[in-house]
Amino acid sequence: MNPVTLLPFIVLIGAMFLMTRSAKKKQAAAAQMRDEMQPGTGVRTIGGMYATVKELHDDTVLLEIAPGIHAVYAKNAIGAVLSDEEYNRIVHGDDESGLDLDGTVVPDDASSLTGNDDEPRLDLTKKADEDEPKDADSGKKSEGKDDGEADAK
């Protein structure tokens, strides 16, 4: 056979080899991370829940989701093992970075963004007599006719 005809097959096999190799590296790194878990370690599950490891078993792990609330998860469900600083920052809101924001407080609503509180506010609610549109010709309320419909009998 001609080597030129085999070239696409060789490239395809090489690409498949490289893709499976990188996937195996990721799986090995995840397995190593899970093996490094110890009781008291903060983790994030693949579902995005943060918890603390209480007990480790062969294929399962007991997680403390909240104080006094425990759940059993598969070890494969652990997405990341977090450092103590990162876990406390995310879960407890501890911020050890020492950022000084000059005491700037952001309000929860937009009421402080309006400059003048003495100004009358607009009433954007519908009035009871404005619920149905009126005909321009008769001054009566329309009987469900849309624009462009005629009174054909």
N, C-alpha and C. Protein backbone atom coordinates (compact mmCIF):
# COMPACT_ATOMS: atom_id res chain seq x y z
N MET A 1 0.83 -1.19 0.00
CA MET A 1 0.00 0.00 0.00
C MET A 1 0.87 1.25 0.00
N ASN A 2 0.29 2.28 -0.50
CA ASN A 2 0.97 3.56 -0.60
C ASN A 2 0.94 4.26 0.77
N PRO A 3 2.07 4.82 1.25
CA PRO A 3 2.08 5.50 2.55
C PRO A 3 1.17 6.73 2.60
N VAL A 4 0.90 7.33 1.44
CA VAL A 4 0.04 8.52 1.41
C VAL A 4 -1.40 8.14 1.76
N THR A 5 -1.83 6.96 1.36
CA THR A 5 -3.20 6.54 1.68
C THR A 5 -3.33 6.17 3.15
N LEU A 6 -2.24 5.76 3.80
CA LEU A 6 -2.29 5.40 5.21
C LEU A 6 -2.15 6.61 6.13
N LEU A 7 -1.71 7.74 5.61
CA LEU A 7 -1.47 8.93 6.41
C LEU A 7 -2.71 9.40 7.19
N PRO A 8 -3.90 9.50 6.58
CA PRO A 8 -5.08 9.91 7.37
C PRO A 8 -5.39 8.97 8.53
N PHE A 9 -5.21 7.68 8.32
CA PHE A 9 -5.47 6.71 9.39
C PHE A 9 -4.46 6.86 10.53
N ILE A 10 -3.21 7.11 10.17
CA ILE A 10 -2.16 7.29 11.17
C ILE A 10 -2.43 8.55 11.99
N VAL A 11 -2.83 9.64 11.34
CA VAL A 11 -3.14 10.89 12.04
C VAL A 11 -4.34 10.68 12.96
N LEU A 12 -5.35 9.97 12.49
CA LEU A 12 -6.55 9.72 13.31
C LEU A 12 -6.20 8.89 14.54
N ILE A 13 -5.41 7.86 14.38
CA ILE A 13 -5.02 7.02 15.51
C ILE A 13 -4.16 7.83 16.49
N GLY A 14 -3.28 8.66 15.99
CA GLY A 14 -2.45 9.51 16.85
C GLY A 14 -3.30 10.49 17.65
N ALA A 15 -4.30 11.10 17.02
CA ALA A 15 -5.18 12.03 17.71
C ALA A 15 -5.97 11.32 18.81
N MET A 16 -6.46 10.13 18.51
CA MET A 16 -7.21 9.35 19.52
C MET A 16 -6.30 9.00 20.70
N PHE A 17 -5.05 8.65 20.41
CA PHE A 17 -4.10 8.32 21.48
C PHE A 17 -3.86 9.53 22.38
N LEU A 18 -3.67 10.71 21.78
CA LEU A 18 -3.41 11.91 22.57
C LEU A 18 -4.61 12.30 23.43
N MET A 19 -5.82 12.15 22.87
CA MET A 19 -7.02 12.50 23.63
C MET A 19 -7.22 11.56 24.81
N THR A 20 -7.03 10.26 24.61
CA THR A 20 -7.22 9.33 25.71
C THR A 20 -6.12 9.50 26.75
N ARG A 21 -4.93 9.86 26.32
CA ARG A 21 -3.82 10.07 27.26
C ARG A 21 -4.10 11.24 28.19
N SER A 22 -4.62 12.35 27.64
CA SER A 22 -4.92 13.50 28.50
C SER A 22 -6.08 13.20 29.44
N ALA A 23 -7.06 12.44 28.98
CA ALA A 23 -8.18 12.08 29.84
C ALA A 23 -7.71 11.18 30.98
N LYS A 24 -6.80 10.27 30.69
CA LYS A 24 -6.27 9.40 31.74
C LYS A 24 -5.46 10.20 32.76
N LYS A 25 -4.73 11.21 32.30
CA LYS A 25 -3.98 12.06 33.23
C LYS A 25 -4.92 12.80 34.16
N LYS A 26 -6.04 13.31 33.62
CA LYS A 26 -7.01 14.02 34.45
C LYS A 26 -7.65 13.08 35.47
N GLN A 27 -7.97 11.85 35.04
CA GLN A 27 -8.55 10.88 35.96
C GLN A 27 -7.57 10.52 37.07
N ALA A 28 -6.30 10.36 36.72
CA ALA A 28 -5.29 10.02 37.72
C ALA A 28 -5.10 11.16 38.72
N ALA A 29 -5.12 12.40 38.23
CA ALA A 29 -4.98 13.55 39.13
C ALA A 29 -6.18 13.64 40.07
N ALA A 30 -7.40 13.37 39.56
CA ALA A 30 -8.60 13.41 40.40
C ALA A 30 -8.55 12.29 41.45
N ALA A 31 -8.10 11.11 41.07
CA ALA A 31 -8.00 10.00 42.02
C ALA A 31 -6.97 10.31 43.10
N GLN A 32 -5.85 10.92 42.72
CA GLN A 32 -4.83 11.28 43.70
C GLN A 32 -5.37 12.33 44.67
N MET A 33 -6.13 13.29 44.14
CA MET A 33 -6.72 14.33 44.99
C MET A 33 -7.68 13.70 46.00
N ARG A 34 -8.48 12.75 45.55
CA ARG A 34 -9.44 12.10 46.45
C ARG A 34 -8.73 11.25 47.50
N ASP A 35 -7.59 10.67 47.13
CA ASP A 35 -6.84 9.86 48.08
C ASP A 35 -6.19 10.73 49.16
N GLU A 36 -5.96 12.00 48.88
CA GLU A 36 -5.34 12.91 49.84
C GLU A 36 -6.34 13.46 50.86
N MET A 37 -7.62 13.14 50.70
CA MET A 37 -8.63 13.62 51.65
C MET A 37 -8.40 12.99 53.01
N GLN A 38 -8.64 13.78 54.04
CA GLN A 38 -8.56 13.31 55.41
C GLN A 38 -9.73 13.91 56.18
N PRO A 39 -10.12 13.29 57.28
CA PRO A 39 -11.20 13.88 58.09
C PRO A 39 -10.85 15.30 58.51
N GLY A 40 -11.83 16.19 58.37
CA GLY A 40 -11.63 17.60 58.69
C GLY A 40 -11.33 18.45 57.47
N THR A 41 -11.13 17.83 56.32
CA THR A 41 -10.82 18.56 55.10
C THR A 41 -12.11 19.12 54.49
N GLY A 42 -12.04 20.33 53.97
CA GLY A 42 -13.18 20.92 53.27
C GLY A 42 -13.17 20.48 51.81
N VAL A 43 -14.35 20.11 51.30
CA VAL A 43 -14.46 19.64 49.92
C VAL A 43 -15.63 20.31 49.22
N ARG A 44 -15.61 20.26 47.88
CA ARG A 44 -16.74 20.68 47.05
C ARG A 44 -17.14 19.48 46.22
N THR A 45 -18.41 19.14 46.24
CA THR A 45 -18.89 18.01 45.45
C THR A 45 -19.05 18.44 44.00
N ILE A 46 -19.27 17.46 43.11
CA ILE A 46 -19.44 17.79 41.70
C ILE A 46 -20.75 18.55 41.48
N GLY A 47 -21.65 18.50 42.46
CA GLY A 47 -22.90 19.26 42.39
C GLY A 47 -22.76 20.67 42.92
N GLY A 48 -21.58 21.02 43.47
CA GLY A 48 -21.36 22.38 43.93
C GLY A 48 -21.63 22.59 45.41
N MET A 49 -21.82 21.52 46.18
CA MET A 49 -22.09 21.65 47.61
C MET A 49 -20.76 21.61 48.37
N TYR A 50 -20.63 22.48 49.35
CA TYR A 50 -19.43 22.52 50.19
C TYR A 50 -19.72 21.79 51.49
N ALA A 51 -18.76 20.97 51.91
CA ALA A 51 -18.95 20.17 53.13
C ALA A 51 -17.58 19.85 53.73
N THR A 52 -17.62 19.27 54.93
CA THR A 52 -16.41 18.86 55.63
C THR A 52 -16.40 17.34 55.72
N VAL A 53 -15.26 16.72 55.45
CA VAL A 53 -15.11 15.27 55.50
C VAL A 53 -15.09 14.84 56.96
N LYS A 54 -15.95 13.86 57.29
CA LYS A 54 -15.98 13.31 58.65
C LYS A 54 -15.33 11.93 58.71
N GLU A 55 -15.69 11.04 57.77
CA GLU A 55 -15.14 9.69 57.74
C GLU A 55 -14.86 9.29 56.30
N LEU A 56 -13.82 8.47 56.13
CA LEU A 56 -13.48 7.93 54.81
C LEU A 56 -13.63 6.42 54.84
N HIS A 57 -14.23 5.89 53.79
CA HIS A 57 -14.36 4.45 53.61
C HIS A 57 -13.76 4.10 52.25
N ASP A 58 -13.89 2.85 51.82
CA ASP A 58 -13.27 2.43 50.56
C ASP A 58 -13.79 3.22 49.37
N ASP A 59 -15.10 3.21 49.17
CA ASP A 59 -15.70 3.89 48.02
C ASP A 59 -16.58 5.06 48.39
N THR A 60 -16.80 5.28 49.69
CA THR A 60 -17.71 6.33 50.13
C THR A 60 -17.00 7.26 51.10
N VAL A 61 -17.63 8.38 51.34
CA VAL A 61 -17.12 9.36 52.28
C VAL A 61 -18.32 9.96 53.02
N LEU A 62 -18.18 10.15 54.33
CA LEU A 62 -19.24 10.76 55.13
C LEU A 62 -18.92 12.26 55.23
N LEU A 63 -19.85 13.08 54.76
CA LEU A 63 -19.66 14.53 54.75
C LEU A 63 -20.60 15.19 55.75
N GLU A 64 -20.09 16.21 56.42
CA GLU A 64 -20.93 17.04 57.29
C GLU A 64 -21.32 18.27 56.50
N ILE A 65 -22.58 18.32 56.08
CA ILE A 65 -23.09 19.40 55.24
C ILE A 65 -23.30 20.67 56.06
N ALA A 66 -23.88 20.51 57.22
CA ALA A 66 -24.11 21.60 58.17
C ALA A 66 -23.86 21.01 59.55
N PRO A 67 -23.71 21.84 60.57
CA PRO A 67 -23.46 21.28 61.90
C PRO A 67 -24.52 20.26 62.30
N GLY A 68 -24.09 19.01 62.51
CA GLY A 68 -24.99 17.95 62.93
C GLY A 68 -25.70 17.24 61.80
N ILE A 69 -25.50 17.65 60.55
CA ILE A 69 -26.18 17.03 59.41
C ILE A 69 -25.13 16.33 58.56
N HIS A 70 -25.27 14.99 58.45
CA HIS A 70 -24.29 14.18 57.73
C HIS A 70 -24.94 13.51 56.52
N ALA A 71 -24.14 13.26 55.50
CA ALA A 71 -24.60 12.58 54.30
C ALA A 71 -23.47 11.71 53.77
N VAL A 72 -23.84 10.56 53.20
CA VAL A 72 -22.86 9.65 52.62
C VAL A 72 -22.81 9.89 51.12
N TYR A 73 -21.60 10.11 50.60
CA TYR A 73 -21.39 10.36 49.18
C TYR A 73 -20.38 9.36 48.64
N ALA A 74 -20.44 9.10 47.36
CA ALA A 74 -19.41 8.31 46.70
C ALA A 74 -18.15 9.16 46.58
N LYS A 75 -16.99 8.53 46.65
CA LYS A 75 -15.75 9.30 46.53
C LYS A 75 -15.66 9.97 45.17
N ASN A 76 -16.25 9.36 44.16
CA ASN A 76 -16.22 9.95 42.82
C ASN A 76 -17.03 11.24 42.74
N ALA A 77 -17.88 11.49 43.73
CA ALA A 77 -18.70 12.70 43.72
C ALA A 77 -17.96 13.91 44.27
N ILE A 78 -16.74 13.73 44.75
CA ILE A 78 -15.95 14.84 45.27
C ILE A 78 -15.26 15.51 44.09
N GLY A 79 -15.59 16.77 43.87
CA GLY A 79 -15.04 17.50 42.73
C GLY A 79 -13.73 18.19 43.04
N ALA A 80 -13.53 18.64 44.30
CA ALA A 80 -12.30 19.33 44.66
C ALA A 80 -12.08 19.24 46.15
N VAL A 81 -10.84 19.06 46.52
CA VAL A 81 -10.43 19.12 47.92
C VAL A 81 -9.85 20.52 48.12
N LEU A 82 -10.41 21.25 49.07
CA LEU A 82 -10.05 22.66 49.25
C LEU A 82 -9.08 22.82 50.42
N SER A 83 -8.25 23.85 50.32
CA SER A 83 -7.39 24.19 51.45
C SER A 83 -8.26 24.81 52.54
N ASP A 84 -7.72 24.83 53.76
CA ASP A 84 -8.49 25.38 54.88
C ASP A 84 -8.84 26.85 54.66
N GLU A 85 -7.90 27.62 54.13
CA GLU A 85 -8.16 29.05 53.90
C GLU A 85 -9.26 29.26 52.87
N GLU A 86 -9.18 28.48 51.78
CA GLU A 86 -10.19 28.64 50.72
C GLU A 86 -11.56 28.19 51.20
N TYR A 87 -11.63 27.08 51.94
CA TYR A 87 -12.90 26.58 52.46
C TYR A 87 -13.52 27.60 53.41
N ASN A 88 -12.73 28.15 54.33
CA ASN A 88 -13.27 29.14 55.28
C ASN A 88 -13.69 30.42 54.57
N ARG A 89 -12.96 30.82 53.53
CA ARG A 89 -13.33 32.02 52.78
C ARG A 89 -14.67 31.83 52.09
N ILE A 90 -14.89 30.65 51.49
CA ILE A 90 -16.12 30.41 50.74
C ILE A 90 -17.30 30.15 51.66
N VAL A 91 -17.13 29.26 52.61
CA VAL A 91 -18.25 28.82 53.45
C VAL A 91 -18.58 29.80 54.56
N HIS A 92 -17.57 30.28 55.27
CA HIS A 92 -17.80 31.13 56.42
C HIS A 92 -17.66 32.61 56.12
N GLY A 93 -17.19 32.94 54.93
CA GLY A 93 -17.05 34.34 54.56
C GLY A 93 -15.84 35.00 55.18
N ASP A 94 -14.91 34.21 55.67
CA ASP A 94 -13.69 34.77 56.25
C ASP A 94 -12.85 35.36 55.13
N ASP A 95 -12.43 36.59 55.30
CA ASP A 95 -11.61 37.24 54.28
C ASP A 95 -10.30 37.67 54.92
N GLU A 96 -9.26 36.91 54.65
CA GLU A 96 -7.96 37.21 55.24
C GLU A 96 -7.09 38.03 54.30
N SER A 97 -7.62 38.48 53.19
CA SER A 97 -6.81 39.21 52.23
C SER A 97 -6.51 40.63 52.71
N GLY A 98 -7.27 41.13 53.65
CA GLY A 98 -7.00 42.46 54.21
C GLY A 98 -7.34 43.59 53.24
N LEU A 99 -8.32 43.41 52.41
CA LEU A 99 -8.72 44.47 51.50
C LEU A 99 -9.38 45.59 52.28
N ASP A 100 -8.95 46.83 52.04
CA ASP A 100 -9.56 47.98 52.69
C ASP A 100 -10.40 48.70 51.66
N LEU A 101 -11.68 48.72 51.87
CA LEU A 101 -12.59 49.32 50.90
C LEU A 101 -12.99 50.72 51.31
N ASP A 102 -12.24 51.37 52.19
CA ASP A 102 -12.50 52.74 52.64
C ASP A 102 -13.89 52.90 53.23
N GLY A 103 -14.46 51.87 53.79
CA GLY A 103 -15.75 51.97 54.44
C GLY A 103 -16.90 52.17 53.46
N THR A 104 -16.71 51.86 52.20
CA THR A 104 -17.77 52.03 51.21
C THR A 104 -18.86 50.99 51.45
N VAL A 105 -20.09 51.45 51.55
CA VAL A 105 -21.21 50.56 51.77
C VAL A 105 -22.11 50.63 50.55
N VAL A 106 -22.44 49.48 50.00
CA VAL A 106 -23.33 49.41 48.85
C VAL A 106 -24.73 49.12 49.36
N PRO A 107 -25.72 49.96 49.00
CA PRO A 107 -27.07 49.73 49.50
C PRO A 107 -27.71 48.52 48.85
N ASP A 108 -28.70 47.92 49.55
CA ASP A 108 -29.39 46.76 49.03
C ASP A 108 -30.44 47.13 47.98
N ASP A 109 -30.88 48.37 47.96
CA ASP A 109 -31.89 48.78 46.98
C ASP A 109 -31.42 50.06 46.31
N ALA A 110 -32.19 50.55 45.37
CA ALA A 110 -31.80 51.72 44.60
C ALA A 110 -32.36 53.02 45.18
N SER A 111 -32.93 52.98 46.39
CA SER A 111 -33.55 54.18 46.94
C SER A 111 -32.54 55.29 47.20
N SER A 112 -31.30 54.93 47.49
CA SER A 112 -30.31 55.96 47.77
C SER A 112 -29.75 56.57 46.49
N LEU A 113 -30.07 56.02 45.35
CA LEU A 113 -29.55 56.53 44.09
C LEU A 113 -30.33 57.73 43.59
N THR A 114 -31.56 57.90 44.07
CA THR A 114 -32.35 59.06 43.68
C THR A 114 -31.92 60.23 44.54
N GLY A 115 -31.68 61.35 43.92
CA GLY A 115 -31.12 62.48 44.63
C GLY A 115 -32.10 63.23 45.51
N ASN A 116 -33.37 63.34 45.12
CA ASN A 116 -34.31 64.20 45.82
C ASN A 116 -35.47 63.36 46.32
N ASP A 117 -35.63 63.28 47.63
CA ASP A 117 -36.74 62.53 48.20
C ASP A 117 -38.01 63.37 48.30
N ASP A 118 -37.91 64.72 48.09
CA ASP A 118 -39.08 65.60 48.19
C ASP A 118 -39.90 65.59 46.91
N GLU A 119 -39.35 65.07 45.84
CA GLU A 119 -40.02 65.07 44.55
C GLU A 119 -41.18 64.07 44.57
N PRO A 120 -42.34 64.44 44.02
CA PRO A 120 -43.47 63.49 44.02
C PRO A 120 -43.16 62.30 43.11
N ARG A 121 -43.65 61.17 43.49
CA ARG A 121 -43.41 59.95 42.72
C ARG A 121 -44.53 59.74 41.72
N LEU A 122 -44.19 59.13 40.59
CA LEU A 122 -45.18 58.85 39.56
C LEU A 122 -46.00 57.64 39.95
N ASP A 123 -47.31 57.70 39.70
CA ASP A 123 -48.19 56.57 39.94
C ASP A 123 -48.31 55.81 38.63
N LEU A 124 -47.72 54.63 38.58
CA LEU A 124 -47.72 53.84 37.35
C LEU A 124 -48.76 52.74 37.35
N THR A 125 -49.70 52.79 38.28
CA THR A 125 -50.74 51.77 38.32
C THR A 125 -51.87 52.15 37.40
N LYS A 126 -52.62 51.14 36.93
CA LYS A 126 -53.75 51.37 36.03
C LYS A 126 -54.96 51.82 36.83
N LYS A 127 -55.69 52.74 36.29
CA LYS A 127 -56.94 53.18 36.91
C LYS A 127 -58.04 52.22 36.47
N ALA A 128 -59.12 52.16 37.24
CA ALA A 128 -60.21 51.22 36.96
C ALA A 128 -60.92 51.54 35.65
N ASP A 129 -61.08 52.82 35.31
CA ASP A 129 -61.80 53.17 34.09
C ASP A 129 -60.88 53.13 32.87
N GLU A 130 -59.60 52.86 33.04
CA GLU A 130 -58.69 52.78 31.91
C GLU A 130 -58.42 51.34 31.51
N ASP A 131 -59.13 50.39 32.13
CA ASP A 131 -58.86 48.98 31.86
C ASP A 131 -59.16 48.59 30.42
N GLU A 132 -60.28 49.09 29.86
CA GLU A 132 -60.65 48.71 28.50
C GLU A 132 -60.55 49.92 27.59
N PRO A 133 -60.04 49.75 26.37
CA PRO A 133 -59.95 50.89 25.46
C PRO A 133 -61.32 51.30 24.95
N LYS A 134 -61.46 52.59 24.63
CA LYS A 134 -62.74 53.10 24.13
C LYS A 134 -62.65 53.29 22.63
N ASP A 135 -63.81 53.17 21.95
CA ASP A 135 -63.87 53.46 20.51
C ASP A 135 -63.74 54.95 20.32
N ALA A 136 -63.06 55.36 19.30
CA ALA A 136 -62.87 56.78 19.02
C ALA A 136 -64.17 57.42 18.53
N ASP A 137 -65.00 56.65 17.81
CA ASP A 137 -66.21 57.21 17.20
C ASP A 137 -67.34 57.39 18.21
N SER A 138 -67.66 56.37 18.96
CA SER A 138 -68.86 56.42 19.76
C SER A 138 -68.62 56.83 21.20
N GLY A 139 -67.39 56.79 21.67
CA GLY A 139 -67.14 57.13 23.06
C GLY A 139 -67.49 55.99 23.99
N LYS A 140 -67.98 54.86 23.42
CA LYS A 140 -68.30 53.68 24.23
C LYS A 140 -67.09 52.76 24.23
N LYS A 141 -67.12 51.88 25.18
CA LYS A 141 -66.05 50.90 25.23
C LYS A 141 -66.20 49.92 24.08
N SER A 142 -65.09 49.48 23.54
CA SER A 142 -65.16 48.54 22.41
C SER A 142 -65.64 47.19 22.89
N GLU A 143 -66.19 46.44 21.99
CA GLU A 143 -66.75 45.14 22.34
C GLU A 143 -65.82 44.03 21.87
N GLY A 144 -64.55 44.15 22.15
CA GLY A 144 -63.61 43.09 21.83
C GLY A 144 -63.11 43.15 20.40
N LYS A 145 -63.34 44.24 19.69
CA LYS A 145 -62.87 44.34 18.32
C LYS A 145 -61.47 44.92 18.32
N ASP A 146 -60.62 44.36 17.48
CA ASP A 146 -59.27 44.86 17.34
C ASP A 146 -59.25 45.92 16.28
N ASP A 147 -58.16 46.65 16.21
CA ASP A 147 -57.98 47.66 15.16
C ASP A 147 -58.07 46.99 13.80
N GLY A 148 -58.78 47.62 12.88
CA GLY A 148 -58.91 47.11 11.53
C GLY A 148 -60.12 46.23 11.30
N GLU A 149 -60.81 45.86 12.37
CA GLU A 149 -62.02 45.05 12.18
C GLU A 149 -63.21 45.96 12.00
N ALA A 150 -64.04 45.62 11.07
CA ALA A 150 -65.22 46.45 10.77
C ALA A 150 -66.47 45.81 11.34
N ASP A 151 -67.54 46.65 11.41
CA ASP A 151 -68.84 46.17 11.86
C ASP A 151 -69.59 45.59 10.67
N ALA A 152 -69.16 44.48 10.14
CA ALA A 152 -69.86 43.87 8.99
C ALA A 152 -70.98 43.00 9.49
N LYS A 153 -72.14 43.14 8.83
CA LYS A 153 -73.29 42.32 9.23
C LYS A 153 -73.82 41.56 8.07
